[in-house]
């Protein structure tokens, strides 16, 4: 698992994404105005991903499944990609739980 920390030209330029072993995004962040806030978000994902109670299972209007990962204060720190089945969503959660804490961060700027 790898974490990509990106900076863009947007007003809130910093984002991050946790990538699975297949290179696809498992979860991504909101946009942050400061790099430090994005780094804190990465640490929050690493800290909270092992706790089942931090996952909020959702279904999009198109029927696809996804989840939000929440911090201890209830704030959403990351949102998953869309999945076609509960099994695929659950596999992504299992991978996040197993590998996020040790994930290396790659800093990218666009």
C-alpha atoms as a PDB file:
ATOM      1  CA  UNK A   1       0.000   0.000   0.000  1.00  0.00           C
ATOM      2  CA  UNK A   2       1.175   3.496  -0.819  1.00  0.00           C
ATOM      3  CA  UNK A   3      -0.123   6.942   0.091  1.00  0.00           C
ATOM      4  CA  UNK A   4       0.089   9.732  -2.460  1.00  0.00           C
ATOM      5  CA  UNK A   5       0.149  13.294  -1.115  1.00  0.00           C
ATOM      6  CA  UNK A   6      -0.638  15.688  -3.958  1.00  0.00           C
ATOM      7  CA  UNK A   7      -0.521  19.424  -4.441  1.00  0.00           C
ATOM      8  CA  UNK A   8      -2.445  21.094  -7.262  1.00  0.00           C
ATOM      9  CA  UNK A   9      -3.208  24.650  -8.329  1.00  0.00           C
ATOM     10  CA  UNK A  10      -6.616  24.579  -6.602  1.00  0.00           C
ATOM     11  CA  UNK A  11      -7.589  27.022  -3.850  1.00  0.00           C
ATOM     12  CA  UNK A  12      -7.329  24.111  -1.391  1.00  0.00           C
ATOM     13  CA  UNK A  13      -4.443  22.336  -3.122  1.00  0.00           C
ATOM     14  CA  UNK A  14      -3.514  19.401  -0.851  1.00  0.00           C
ATOM     15  CA  UNK A  15      -5.117  15.950  -1.082  1.00  0.00           C
ATOM     16  CA  UNK A  16      -4.112  12.386  -0.378  1.00  0.00           C
ATOM     17  CA  UNK A  17      -5.066   8.923  -1.579  1.00  0.00           C
ATOM     18  CA  UNK A  18      -4.315   5.479  -0.189  1.00  0.00           C
ATOM     19  CA  UNK A  19      -3.583   3.089  -3.065  1.00  0.00           C
ATOM     20  CA  UNK A  20      -4.077  -0.659  -2.823  1.00  0.00           C
ATOM     21  CA  UNK A  21      -1.674  -3.335  -3.982  1.00  0.00           C
ATOM     22  CA  UNK A  22      -3.254  -3.148  -7.451  1.00  0.00           C
ATOM     23  CA  UNK A  23      -2.479   0.587  -7.675  1.00  0.00           C
ATOM     24  CA  UNK A  24      -6.126   1.621  -7.494  1.00  0.00           C
ATOM     25  CA  UNK A  25      -7.406   4.180  -4.996  1.00  0.00           C
ATOM     26  CA  UNK A  26      -8.997   2.686  -1.896  1.00  0.00           C
ATOM     27  CA  UNK A  27      -9.712   5.991  -0.114  1.00  0.00           C
ATOM     28  CA  UNK A  28      -9.141   9.651  -0.884  1.00  0.00           C
ATOM     29  CA  UNK A  29      -9.308  12.812   1.165  1.00  0.00           C
ATOM     30  CA  UNK A  30     -11.103  16.089   0.911  1.00  0.00           C
ATOM     31  CA  UNK A  31      -9.068  19.092  -0.230  1.00  0.00           C
ATOM     32  CA  UNK A  32      -6.962  20.901   2.371  1.00  0.00           C
ATOM     33  CA  UNK A  33      -5.535  24.425   2.341  1.00  0.00           C
ATOM     34  CA  UNK A  34      -2.365  23.412   4.222  1.00  0.00           C
ATOM     35  CA  UNK A  35       0.063  20.520   3.742  1.00  0.00           C
ATOM     36  CA  UNK A  36       0.136  19.957   7.528  1.00  0.00           C
ATOM     37  CA  UNK A  37      -3.632  19.382   7.550  1.00  0.00           C
ATOM     38  CA  UNK A  38      -3.329  16.787   4.787  1.00  0.00           C
ATOM     39  CA  UNK A  39      -0.495  15.031   6.649  1.00  0.00           C
ATOM     40  CA  UNK A  40      -2.655  15.017   9.787  1.00  0.00           C
ATOM     41  CA  UNK A  41      -5.437  13.440   7.690  1.00  0.00           C
ATOM     42  CA  UNK A  42      -3.077  10.683   6.553  1.00  0.00           C
ATOM     43  CA  UNK A  43      -2.143   9.977  10.162  1.00  0.00           C
ATOM     44  CA  UNK A  44      -5.827   9.922  11.124  1.00  0.00           C
ATOM     45  CA  UNK A  45      -6.559   7.288   8.461  1.00  0.00           C
ATOM     46  CA  UNK A  46      -3.634   5.201   9.712  1.00  0.00           C
ATOM     47  CA  UNK A  47      -4.856   5.508  13.306  1.00  0.00           C
ATOM     48  CA  UNK A  48      -8.578   4.928  12.739  1.00  0.00           C
ATOM     49  CA  UNK A  49      -8.689   2.351   9.932  1.00  0.00           C
ATOM     50  CA  UNK A  50      -8.298  -0.615  12.284  1.00  0.00           C
ATOM     51  CA  UNK A  51     -11.537   0.146  14.163  1.00  0.00           C
ATOM     52  CA  UNK A  52     -14.766  -1.216  12.665  1.00  0.00           C
ATOM     53  CA  UNK A  53     -16.808   1.535  14.346  1.00  0.00           C
ATOM     54  CA  UNK A  54     -15.007   4.168  12.236  1.00  0.00           C
ATOM     55  CA  UNK A  55     -16.492   2.864   8.967  1.00  0.00           C
ATOM     56  CA  UNK A  56     -19.741   4.271   7.619  1.00  0.00           C
ATOM     57  CA  UNK A  57     -21.168   2.082   4.847  1.00  0.00           C
ATOM     58  CA  UNK A  58     -23.024   3.994   2.133  1.00  0.00           C
ATOM     59  CA  UNK A  59     -24.809   3.417  -1.168  1.00  0.00           C
ATOM     60  CA  UNK A  60     -24.704   5.973  -3.980  1.00  0.00           C
ATOM     61  CA  UNK A  61     -27.776   6.898  -6.021  1.00  0.00           C
ATOM     62  CA  UNK A  62     -26.489   4.698  -8.855  1.00  0.00           C
ATOM     63  CA  UNK A  63     -26.449   1.651  -6.551  1.00  0.00           C
ATOM     64  CA  UNK A  64     -22.660   1.513  -6.173  1.00  0.00           C
ATOM     65  CA  UNK A  65     -21.302   0.959  -2.681  1.00  0.00           C
ATOM     66  CA  UNK A  66     -18.696   3.016  -0.846  1.00  0.00           C
ATOM     67  CA  UNK A  67     -17.624   3.891   2.672  1.00  0.00           C
ATOM     68  CA  UNK A  68     -16.469   6.847   4.713  1.00  0.00           C
ATOM     69  CA  UNK A  69     -13.740   6.496   7.305  1.00  0.00           C
ATOM     70  CA  UNK A  70     -14.306   8.720  10.332  1.00  0.00           C
ATOM     71  CA  UNK A  71     -11.992  10.034  13.013  1.00  0.00           C
ATOM     72  CA  UNK A  72     -12.767   9.644  16.709  1.00  0.00           C
ATOM     73  CA  UNK A  73     -14.614  12.980  16.650  1.00  0.00           C
ATOM     74  CA  UNK A  74     -16.946  11.719  13.889  1.00  0.00           C
ATOM     75  CA  UNK A  75     -15.416  13.837  11.123  1.00  0.00           C
ATOM     76  CA  UNK A  76     -14.955  12.096   7.756  1.00  0.00           C
ATOM     77  CA  UNK A  77     -11.228  11.805   7.006  1.00  0.00           C
ATOM     78  CA  UNK A  78     -11.442   9.726   3.811  1.00  0.00           C
ATOM     79  CA  UNK A  79     -13.997   8.430   1.322  1.00  0.00           C
ATOM     80  CA  UNK A  80     -13.592   5.240  -0.666  1.00  0.00           C
ATOM     81  CA  UNK A  81     -13.888   4.585  -4.356  1.00  0.00           C
ATOM     82  CA  UNK A  82     -17.151   3.094  -5.638  1.00  0.00           C
ATOM     83  CA  UNK A  83     -17.582  -0.678  -5.581  1.00  0.00           C
ATOM     84  CA  UNK A  84     -19.933  -2.936  -7.527  1.00  0.00           C
ATOM     85  CA  UNK A  85     -20.421  -5.388  -4.678  1.00  0.00           C
ATOM     86  CA  UNK A  86     -20.261  -5.617  -0.906  1.00  0.00           C
ATOM     87  CA  UNK A  87     -17.526  -8.254  -1.279  1.00  0.00           C
ATOM     88  CA  UNK A  88     -15.314  -5.817  -3.221  1.00  0.00           C
ATOM     89  CA  UNK A  89     -15.959  -3.062  -0.679  1.00  0.00           C
ATOM     90  CA  UNK A  90     -15.194  -5.407   2.206  1.00  0.00           C
ATOM     91  CA  UNK A  91     -11.961  -6.553   0.529  1.00  0.00           C
ATOM     92  CA  UNK A  92     -10.851  -2.913   0.205  1.00  0.00           C
ATOM     93  CA  UNK A  93     -11.583  -2.332   3.902  1.00  0.00           C
ATOM     94  CA  UNK A  94      -9.615  -5.459   4.819  1.00  0.00           C
ATOM     95  CA  UNK A  95      -6.641  -4.259   2.777  1.00  0.00           C
ATOM     96  CA  UNK A  96      -6.810  -0.819   4.381  1.00  0.00           C
ATOM     97  CA  UNK A  97      -6.942  -2.369   7.865  1.00  0.00           C
ATOM     98  CA  UNK A  98      -3.992  -4.662   7.120  1.00  0.00           C
ATOM     99  CA  UNK A  99      -1.640  -2.267   5.365  1.00  0.00           C
ATOM    100  CA  UNK A 100      -2.494   1.406   5.966  1.00  0.00           C
ATOM    101  CA  UNK A 101      -0.590   1.815   9.226  1.00  0.00           C
ATOM    102  CA  UNK A 102       2.727   0.953   7.538  1.00  0.00           C
ATOM    103  CA  UNK A 103       2.009   2.660   4.206  1.00  0.00           C
ATOM    104  CA  UNK A 104       4.778   4.814   2.750  1.00  0.00           C
ATOM    105  CA  UNK A 105       3.891   8.382   1.780  1.00  0.00           C
ATOM    106  CA  UNK A 106       4.957   9.670  -1.635  1.00  0.00           C
ATOM    107  CA  UNK A 107       4.864  13.452  -1.963  1.00  0.00           C
ATOM    108  CA  UNK A 108       3.796  14.585  -5.446  1.00  0.00           C
ATOM    109  CA  UNK A 109       3.294  18.107  -6.719  1.00  0.00           C
ATOM    110  CA  UNK A 110       1.575  18.896 -10.004  1.00  0.00           C
END
